[in-house]
């Protein structure tokens, strides 16, 4: 997500996180069931992705529509 988008959400935690050596702006929502990553950052993740045979369309609480066609199944990100 972009820095401007992350700053719009005051009810969640946001910070800069190093993702495989690349600093990315993140927003943590402990009540969410899924995680999303921007296309600009996904190329830095060294795991296999699954191409979906359909588009996954999600609307956020802020009425932003996210459309995805790739999944990193059972992938965990650890924050230490």
PDB file of N, CA and C in Angstrom:
ATOM      1  N   UNK A   1       0.841  -1.172   0.000  1.00  0.00           N
ATOM      2  CA  UNK A   1       0.000   0.000   0.000  1.00  0.00           C
ATOM      3  C   UNK A   1       0.882   1.229   0.000  1.00  0.00           C
ATOM      4  N   UNK A   2       0.354   2.321  -0.424  1.00  0.00           N
ATOM      5  CA  UNK A   2       1.125   3.557  -0.434  1.00  0.00           C
ATOM      6  C   UNK A   2       1.079   4.201   0.945  1.00  0.00           C
ATOM      7  N   UNK A   3       2.024   5.079   1.224  1.00  0.00           N
ATOM      8  CA  UNK A   3       2.061   5.776   2.498  1.00  0.00           C
ATOM      9  C   UNK A   3       0.801   6.616   2.695  1.00  0.00           C
ATOM     10  N   UNK A   4       0.352   7.284   1.645  1.00  0.00           N
ATOM     11  CA  UNK A   4      -0.844   8.125   1.747  1.00  0.00           C
ATOM     12  C   UNK A   4      -2.067   7.297   2.115  1.00  0.00           C
ATOM     13  N   UNK A   5      -2.210   6.109   1.542  1.00  0.00           N
ATOM     14  CA  UNK A   5      -3.352   5.256   1.851  1.00  0.00           C
ATOM     15  C   UNK A   5      -3.285   4.762   3.295  1.00  0.00           C
ATOM     16  N   UNK A   6      -2.113   4.344   3.748  1.00  0.00           N
ATOM     17  CA  UNK A   6      -1.963   3.846   5.113  1.00  0.00           C
ATOM     18  C   UNK A   6      -2.271   4.922   6.140  1.00  0.00           C
ATOM     19  N   UNK A   7      -1.950   6.161   5.858  1.00  0.00           N
ATOM     20  CA  UNK A   7      -2.190   7.244   6.805  1.00  0.00           C
ATOM     21  C   UNK A   7      -3.666   7.577   6.959  1.00  0.00           C
ATOM     22  N   UNK A   8      -4.525   7.130   6.036  1.00  0.00           N
ATOM     23  CA  UNK A   8      -5.960   7.412   6.126  1.00  0.00           C
ATOM     24  C   UNK A   8      -6.621   6.630   7.253  1.00  0.00           C
ATOM     25  N   UNK A   9      -5.985   5.574   7.728  1.00  0.00           N
ATOM     26  CA  UNK A   9      -6.604   4.679   8.700  1.00  0.00           C
ATOM     27  C   UNK A   9      -5.980   4.887  10.072  1.00  0.00           C
ATOM     28  N   UNK A  10      -6.667   5.618  10.944  1.00  0.00           N
ATOM     29  CA  UNK A  10      -6.149   5.925  12.273  1.00  0.00           C
ATOM     30  C   UNK A  10      -6.493   4.860  13.301  1.00  0.00           C
ATOM     31  N   UNK A  11      -7.409   3.938  12.995  1.00  0.00           N
ATOM     32  CA  UNK A  11      -7.853   2.950  13.965  1.00  0.00           C
ATOM     33  C   UNK A  11      -7.043   1.665  13.928  1.00  0.00           C
ATOM     34  N   UNK A  12      -6.021   1.599  13.091  1.00  0.00           N
ATOM     35  CA  UNK A  12      -5.171   0.422  13.012  1.00  0.00           C
ATOM     36  C   UNK A  12      -3.717   0.839  13.184  1.00  0.00           C
ATOM     37  N   UNK A  13      -2.862  -0.135  13.377  1.00  0.00           N
ATOM     38  CA  UNK A  13      -1.444   0.131  13.567  1.00  0.00           C
ATOM     39  C   UNK A  13      -0.739   0.156  12.218  1.00  0.00           C
ATOM     40  N   UNK A  14       0.102   1.118  12.011  1.00  0.00           N
ATOM     41  CA  UNK A  14       0.855   1.207  10.764  1.00  0.00           C
ATOM     42  C   UNK A  14       2.311   1.535  11.054  1.00  0.00           C
ATOM     43  N   UNK A  15       3.179   1.064  10.179  1.00  0.00           N
ATOM     44  CA  UNK A  15       4.607   1.287  10.377  1.00  0.00           C
ATOM     45  C   UNK A  15       5.344   0.928   9.087  1.00  0.00           C
ATOM     46  N   UNK A  16       6.645   1.083   9.111  1.00  0.00           N
ATOM     47  CA  UNK A  16       7.518   0.656   8.017  1.00  0.00           C
ATOM     48  C   UNK A  16       8.114  -0.680   8.423  1.00  0.00           C
ATOM     49  N   UNK A  17       8.069  -1.649   7.530  1.00  0.00           N
ATOM     50  CA  UNK A  17       8.551  -2.997   7.804  1.00  0.00           C
ATOM     51  C   UNK A  17       9.519  -3.392   6.696  1.00  0.00           C
ATOM     52  N   UNK A  18      10.579  -4.090   7.056  1.00  0.00           N
ATOM     53  CA  UNK A  18      11.516  -4.587   6.056  1.00  0.00           C
ATOM     54  C   UNK A  18      11.004  -5.930   5.544  1.00  0.00           C
ATOM     55  N   UNK A  19      10.742  -6.007   4.254  1.00  0.00           N
ATOM     56  CA  UNK A  19      10.270  -7.224   3.607  1.00  0.00           C
ATOM     57  C   UNK A  19      11.361  -7.696   2.660  1.00  0.00           C
ATOM     58  N   UNK A  20      12.135  -8.673   3.120  1.00  0.00           N
ATOM     59  CA  UNK A  20      13.265  -9.194   2.346  1.00  0.00           C
ATOM     60  C   UNK A  20      14.193  -8.073   1.882  1.00  0.00           C
ATOM     61  N   UNK A  21      14.496  -7.167   2.807  1.00  0.00           N
ATOM     62  CA  UNK A  21      15.459  -6.098   2.528  1.00  0.00           C
ATOM     63  C   UNK A  21      14.857  -4.857   1.886  1.00  0.00           C
ATOM     64  N   UNK A  22      13.563  -4.839   1.634  1.00  0.00           N
ATOM     65  CA  UNK A  22      12.897  -3.689   1.037  1.00  0.00           C
ATOM     66  C   UNK A  22      11.956  -3.093   2.083  1.00  0.00           C
ATOM     67  N   UNK A  23      12.071  -1.783   2.349  1.00  0.00           N
ATOM     68  CA  UNK A  23      11.179  -1.132   3.303  1.00  0.00           C
ATOM     69  C   UNK A  23       9.814  -0.908   2.665  1.00  0.00           C
ATOM     70  N   UNK A  24       8.769  -1.377   3.344  1.00  0.00           N
ATOM     71  CA  UNK A  24       7.403  -1.216   2.846  1.00  0.00           C
ATOM     72  C   UNK A  24       6.536  -0.618   3.951  1.00  0.00           C
ATOM     73  N   UNK A  25       5.543   0.170   3.562  1.00  0.00           N
ATOM     74  CA  UNK A  25       4.588   0.736   4.497  1.00  0.00           C
ATOM     75  C   UNK A  25       3.500  -0.306   4.719  1.00  0.00           C
ATOM     76  N   UNK A  26       3.243  -0.655   5.977  1.00  0.00           N
ATOM     77  CA  UNK A  26       2.264  -1.692   6.288  1.00  0.00           C
ATOM     78  C   UNK A  26       1.198  -1.157   7.237  1.00  0.00           C
ATOM     79  N   UNK A  27       0.036  -1.770   7.165  1.00  0.00           N
ATOM     80  CA  UNK A  27      -1.060  -1.473   8.084  1.00  0.00           C
ATOM     81  C   UNK A  27      -1.517  -2.794   8.660  1.00  0.00           C
ATOM     82  N   UNK A  28      -1.497  -2.905   9.986  1.00  0.00           N
ATOM     83  CA  UNK A  28      -1.910  -4.128  10.668  1.00  0.00           C
ATOM     84  C   UNK A  28      -3.328  -3.962  11.204  1.00  0.00           C
ATOM     85  N   UNK A  29      -4.182  -4.891  10.880  1.00  0.00           N
ATOM     86  CA  UNK A  29      -5.540  -4.937  11.409  1.00  0.00           C
ATOM     87  C   UNK A  29      -5.707  -6.306  12.047  1.00  0.00           C
ATOM     88  N   UNK A  30      -5.657  -6.357  13.370  1.00  0.00           N
ATOM     89  CA  UNK A  30      -5.692  -7.650  14.056  1.00  0.00           C
ATOM     90  C   UNK A  30      -7.033  -8.357  13.913  1.00  0.00           C
ATOM     91  N   UNK A  31      -8.059  -7.657  13.472  1.00  0.00           N
ATOM     92  CA  UNK A  31      -9.361  -8.283  13.289  1.00  0.00           C
ATOM     93  C   UNK A  31      -9.589  -8.840  11.906  1.00  0.00           C
ATOM     94  N   UNK A  32      -8.631  -8.680  11.012  1.00  0.00           N
ATOM     95  CA  UNK A  32      -8.831  -9.142   9.638  1.00  0.00           C
ATOM     96  C   UNK A  32      -8.542 -10.637   9.512  1.00  0.00           C
ATOM     97  N   UNK A  33      -9.126 -11.247   8.506  1.00  0.00           N
ATOM     98  CA  UNK A  33      -8.927 -12.678   8.266  1.00  0.00           C
ATOM     99  C   UNK A  33      -7.956 -12.951   7.126  1.00  0.00           C
ATOM    100  N   UNK A  34      -7.670 -11.944   6.296  1.00  0.00           N
ATOM    101  CA  UNK A  34      -6.775 -12.115   5.161  1.00  0.00           C
ATOM    102  C   UNK A  34      -5.802 -10.939   5.107  1.00  0.00           C
ATOM    103  N   UNK A  35      -4.700 -11.138   4.433  1.00  0.00           N
ATOM    104  CA  UNK A  35      -3.711 -10.084   4.245  1.00  0.00           C
ATOM    105  C   UNK A  35      -3.559  -9.811   2.756  1.00  0.00           C
ATOM    106  N   UNK A  36      -3.237  -8.578   2.430  1.00  0.00           N
ATOM    107  CA  UNK A  36      -3.061  -8.174   1.044  1.00  0.00           C
ATOM    108  C   UNK A  36      -1.716  -7.485   0.905  1.00  0.00           C
ATOM    109  N   UNK A  37      -1.123  -7.615  -0.267  1.00  0.00           N
ATOM    110  CA  UNK A  37       0.173  -6.989  -0.529  1.00  0.00           C
ATOM    111  C   UNK A  37       0.121  -6.311  -1.888  1.00  0.00           C
ATOM    112  N   UNK A  38       0.734  -5.149  -1.971  1.00  0.00           N
ATOM    113  CA  UNK A  38       0.738  -4.379  -3.212  1.00  0.00           C
ATOM    114  C   UNK A  38       1.577  -5.086  -4.276  1.00  0.00           C
ATOM    115  N   UNK A  39       1.165  -4.962  -5.533  1.00  0.00           N
ATOM    116  CA  UNK A  39       1.922  -5.589  -6.626  1.00  0.00           C
ATOM    117  C   UNK A  39       3.388  -5.146  -6.679  1.00  0.00           C
ATOM    118  N   UNK A  40       3.670  -3.909  -6.245  1.00  0.00           N
ATOM    119  CA  UNK A  40       5.041  -3.404  -6.273  1.00  0.00           C
ATOM    120  C   UNK A  40       5.937  -4.134  -5.280  1.00  0.00           C
ATOM    121  N   UNK A  41       5.363  -4.720  -4.231  1.00  0.00           N
ATOM    122  CA  UNK A  41       6.151  -5.415  -3.214  1.00  0.00           C
ATOM    123  C   UNK A  41       6.180  -6.918  -3.423  1.00  0.00           C
ATOM    124  N   UNK A  42       5.203  -7.456  -4.127  1.00  0.00           N
ATOM    125  CA  UNK A  42       5.075  -8.903  -4.246  1.00  0.00           C
ATOM    126  C   UNK A  42       6.256  -9.548  -4.981  1.00  0.00           C
ATOM    127  N   UNK A  43       6.888  -8.818  -5.858  1.00  0.00           N
ATOM    128  CA  UNK A  43       8.015  -9.387  -6.615  1.00  0.00           C
ATOM    129  C   UNK A  43       9.224  -9.659  -5.719  1.00  0.00           C
ATOM    130  N   UNK A  44       9.235  -9.141  -4.494  1.00  0.00           N
ATOM    131  CA  UNK A  44      10.352  -9.342  -3.573  1.00  0.00           C
ATOM    132  C   UNK A  44      10.171 -10.546  -2.650  1.00  0.00           C
ATOM    133  N   UNK A  45       9.044 -11.252  -2.753  1.00  0.00           N
ATOM    134  CA  UNK A  45       8.771 -12.399  -1.889  1.00  0.00           C
ATOM    135  C   UNK A  45       9.246 -13.672  -2.589  1.00  0.00           C
ATOM    136  N   UNK A  46      10.217 -14.384  -2.005  1.00  0.00           N
ATOM    137  CA  UNK A  46      10.793 -15.563  -2.659  1.00  0.00           C
ATOM    138  C   UNK A  46      10.025 -16.864  -2.395  1.00  0.00           C
ATOM    139  N   UNK A  47       8.715 -16.838  -2.552  1.00  0.00           N
ATOM    140  CA  UNK A  47       7.920 -18.051  -2.409  1.00  0.00           C
ATOM    141  C   UNK A  47       7.022 -18.182  -3.640  1.00  0.00           C
ATOM    142  N   UNK A  48       6.547 -19.402  -3.871  1.00  0.00           N
ATOM    143  CA  UNK A  48       5.703 -19.642  -5.026  1.00  0.00           C
ATOM    144  C   UNK A  48       4.301 -19.081  -4.822  1.00  0.00           C
ATOM    145  N   UNK A  49       3.790 -18.490  -5.863  1.00  0.00           N
ATOM    146  CA  UNK A  49       2.426 -17.987  -5.805  1.00  0.00           C
ATOM    147  C   UNK A  49       1.522 -18.882  -6.638  1.00  0.00           C
ATOM    148  N   UNK A  50       0.257 -18.860  -6.305  1.00  0.00           N
ATOM    149  CA  UNK A  50      -0.746 -19.626  -7.028  1.00  0.00           C
ATOM    150  C   UNK A  50      -1.576 -18.637  -7.844  1.00  0.00           C
ATOM    151  N   UNK A  51      -1.662 -18.869  -9.151  1.00  0.00           N
ATOM    152  CA  UNK A  51      -2.495 -18.043 -10.014  1.00  0.00           C
ATOM    153  C   UNK A  51      -3.927 -18.571  -9.919  1.00  0.00           C
ATOM    154  N   UNK A  52      -4.851 -17.718  -9.530  1.00  0.00           N
ATOM    155  CA  UNK A  52      -6.242 -18.130  -9.404  1.00  0.00           C
ATOM    156  C   UNK A  52      -6.914 -18.196 -10.779  1.00  0.00           C
ATOM    157  N   UNK A  53      -7.861 -19.105 -10.965  1.00  0.00           N
ATOM    158  CA  UNK A  53      -8.586 -19.170 -12.242  1.00  0.00           C
ATOM    159  C   UNK A  53      -9.728 -18.147 -12.297  1.00  0.00           C
ATOM    160  N   UNK A  54      -9.736 -17.213 -11.352  1.00  0.00           N
ATOM    161  CA  UNK A  54     -10.774 -16.183 -11.264  1.00  0.00           C
ATOM    162  C   UNK A  54     -10.166 -14.975 -10.573  1.00  0.00           C
ATOM    163  N   UNK A  55     -10.892 -13.880 -10.540  1.00  0.00           N
ATOM    164  CA  UNK A  55     -10.453 -12.698  -9.816  1.00  0.00           C
ATOM    165  C   UNK A  55     -11.118 -12.672  -8.445  1.00  0.00           C
ATOM    166  N   UNK A  56     -10.336 -12.406  -7.419  1.00  0.00           N
ATOM    167  CA  UNK A  56     -10.835 -12.258  -6.069  1.00  0.00           C
ATOM    168  C   UNK A  56     -11.073 -10.766  -5.846  1.00  0.00           C
ATOM    169  N   UNK A  57     -12.317 -10.386  -5.577  1.00  0.00           N
ATOM    170  CA  UNK A  57     -12.680  -8.980  -5.404  1.00  0.00           C
ATOM    171  C   UNK A  57     -13.100  -8.765  -3.951  1.00  0.00           C
ATOM    172  N   UNK A  58     -12.416  -7.833  -3.278  1.00  0.00           N
ATOM    173  CA  UNK A  58     -12.671  -7.555  -1.867  1.00  0.00           C
ATOM    174  C   UNK A  58     -12.906  -6.059  -1.709  1.00  0.00           C
ATOM    175  N   UNK A  59     -13.922  -5.704  -0.933  1.00  0.00           N
ATOM    176  CA  UNK A  59     -14.180  -4.309  -0.601  1.00  0.00           C
ATOM    177  C   UNK A  59     -13.781  -4.077   0.852  1.00  0.00           C
ATOM    178  N   UNK A  60     -12.950  -3.066   1.101  1.00  0.00           N
ATOM    179  CA  UNK A  60     -12.493  -2.768   2.452  1.00  0.00           C
ATOM    180  C   UNK A  60     -13.518  -1.907   3.177  1.00  0.00           C
ATOM    181  N   UNK A  61     -13.303  -1.713   4.475  1.00  0.00           N
ATOM    182  CA  UNK A  61     -14.195  -0.858   5.256  1.00  0.00           C
ATOM    183  C   UNK A  61     -14.230   0.566   4.722  1.00  0.00           C
ATOM    184  N   UNK A  62     -13.173   1.006   4.086  1.00  0.00           N
ATOM    185  CA  UNK A  62     -13.117   2.341   3.511  1.00  0.00           C
ATOM    186  C   UNK A  62     -13.648   2.399   2.090  1.00  0.00           C
ATOM    187  N   UNK A  63     -14.369   1.362   1.676  1.00  0.00           N
ATOM    188  CA  UNK A  63     -14.961   1.265   0.333  1.00  0.00           C
ATOM    189  C   UNK A  63     -13.929   1.235  -0.791  1.00  0.00           C
ATOM    190  N   UNK A  64     -12.729   0.813  -0.481  1.00  0.00           N
ATOM    191  CA  UNK A  64     -11.731   0.607  -1.526  1.00  0.00           C
ATOM    192  C   UNK A  64     -11.896  -0.817  -2.057  1.00  0.00           C
ATOM    193  N   UNK A  65     -11.880  -0.968  -3.359  1.00  0.00           N
ATOM    194  CA  UNK A  65     -12.034  -2.283  -3.977  1.00  0.00           C
ATOM    195  C   UNK A  65     -10.654  -2.821  -4.348  1.00  0.00           C
ATOM    196  N   UNK A  66     -10.337  -4.013  -3.854  1.00  0.00           N
ATOM    197  CA  UNK A  66      -9.078  -4.688  -4.173  1.00  0.00           C
ATOM    198  C   UNK A  66      -9.394  -5.867  -5.078  1.00  0.00           C
ATOM    199  N   UNK A  67      -8.648  -6.002  -6.163  1.00  0.00           N
ATOM    200  CA  UNK A  67      -8.843  -7.107  -7.093  1.00  0.00           C
ATOM    201  C   UNK A  67      -7.538  -7.874  -7.185  1.00  0.00           C
ATOM    202  N   UNK A  68      -7.612  -9.170  -6.930  1.00  0.00           N
ATOM    203  CA  UNK A  68      -6.412  -9.998  -6.954  1.00  0.00           C
ATOM    204  C   UNK A  68      -6.606 -11.229  -7.811  1.00  0.00           C
ATOM    205  N   UNK A  69      -5.508 -11.732  -8.332  1.00  0.00           N
ATOM    206  CA  UNK A  69      -5.563 -12.953  -9.134  1.00  0.00           C
ATOM    207  C   UNK A  69      -4.466 -13.936  -8.738  1.00  0.00           C
ATOM    208  N   UNK A  70      -3.711 -13.598  -7.686  1.00  0.00           N
ATOM    209  CA  UNK A  70      -2.632 -14.454  -7.218  1.00  0.00           C
ATOM    210  C   UNK A  70      -2.746 -14.635  -5.708  1.00  0.00           C
ATOM    211  N   UNK A  71      -2.313 -15.803  -5.227  1.00  0.00           N
ATOM    212  CA  UNK A  71      -2.397 -16.117  -3.808  1.00  0.00           C
ATOM    213  C   UNK A  71      -1.070 -16.705  -3.340  1.00  0.00           C
ATOM    214  N   UNK A  72      -0.636 -16.292  -2.155  1.00  0.00           N
ATOM    215  CA  UNK A  72       0.465 -16.934  -1.465  1.00  0.00           C
ATOM    216  C   UNK A  72      -0.186 -17.752  -0.358  1.00  0.00           C
ATOM    217  N   UNK A  73      -0.485 -18.996  -0.631  1.00  0.00           N
ATOM    218  CA  UNK A  73      -1.261 -19.825   0.284  1.00  0.00           C
ATOM    219  C   UNK A  73      -0.423 -20.275   1.479  1.00  0.00           C
ATOM    220  N   UNK A  74      -1.028 -20.151   2.669  1.00  0.00           N
ATOM    221  CA  UNK A  74      -0.410 -20.574   3.927  1.00  0.00           C
ATOM    222  C   UNK A  74       0.937 -19.907   4.169  1.00  0.00           C
ATOM    223  N   UNK A  75       1.124 -18.728   3.673  1.00  0.00           N
ATOM    224  CA  UNK A  75       2.372 -17.990   3.850  1.00  0.00           C
ATOM    225  C   UNK A  75       2.263 -17.136   5.103  1.00  0.00           C
ATOM    226  N   UNK A  76       3.233 -17.214   5.967  1.00  0.00           N
ATOM    227  CA  UNK A  76       3.214 -16.472   7.216  1.00  0.00           C
ATOM    228  C   UNK A  76       4.335 -15.435   7.217  1.00  0.00           C
ATOM    229  N   UNK A  77       4.012 -14.253   7.684  1.00  0.00           N
ATOM    230  CA  UNK A  77       5.007 -13.192   7.859  1.00  0.00           C
ATOM    231  C   UNK A  77       5.211 -13.031   9.359  1.00  0.00           C
ATOM    232  N   UNK A  78       6.439 -13.171   9.810  1.00  0.00           N
ATOM    233  CA  UNK A  78       6.754 -13.014  11.225  1.00  0.00           C
ATOM    234  C   UNK A  78       7.332 -11.636  11.465  1.00  0.00           C
ATOM    235  N   UNK A  79       6.817 -10.951  12.464  1.00  0.00           N
ATOM    236  CA  UNK A  79       7.333  -9.647  12.854  1.00  0.00           C
ATOM    237  C   UNK A  79       8.014  -9.834  14.207  1.00  0.00           C
ATOM    238  N   UNK A  80       9.302  -9.505  14.265  1.00  0.00           N
ATOM    239  CA  UNK A  80      10.057  -9.681  15.511  1.00  0.00           C
ATOM    240  C   UNK A  80      10.543  -8.355  16.041  1.00  0.00           C
TER     241      UNK A  80
END
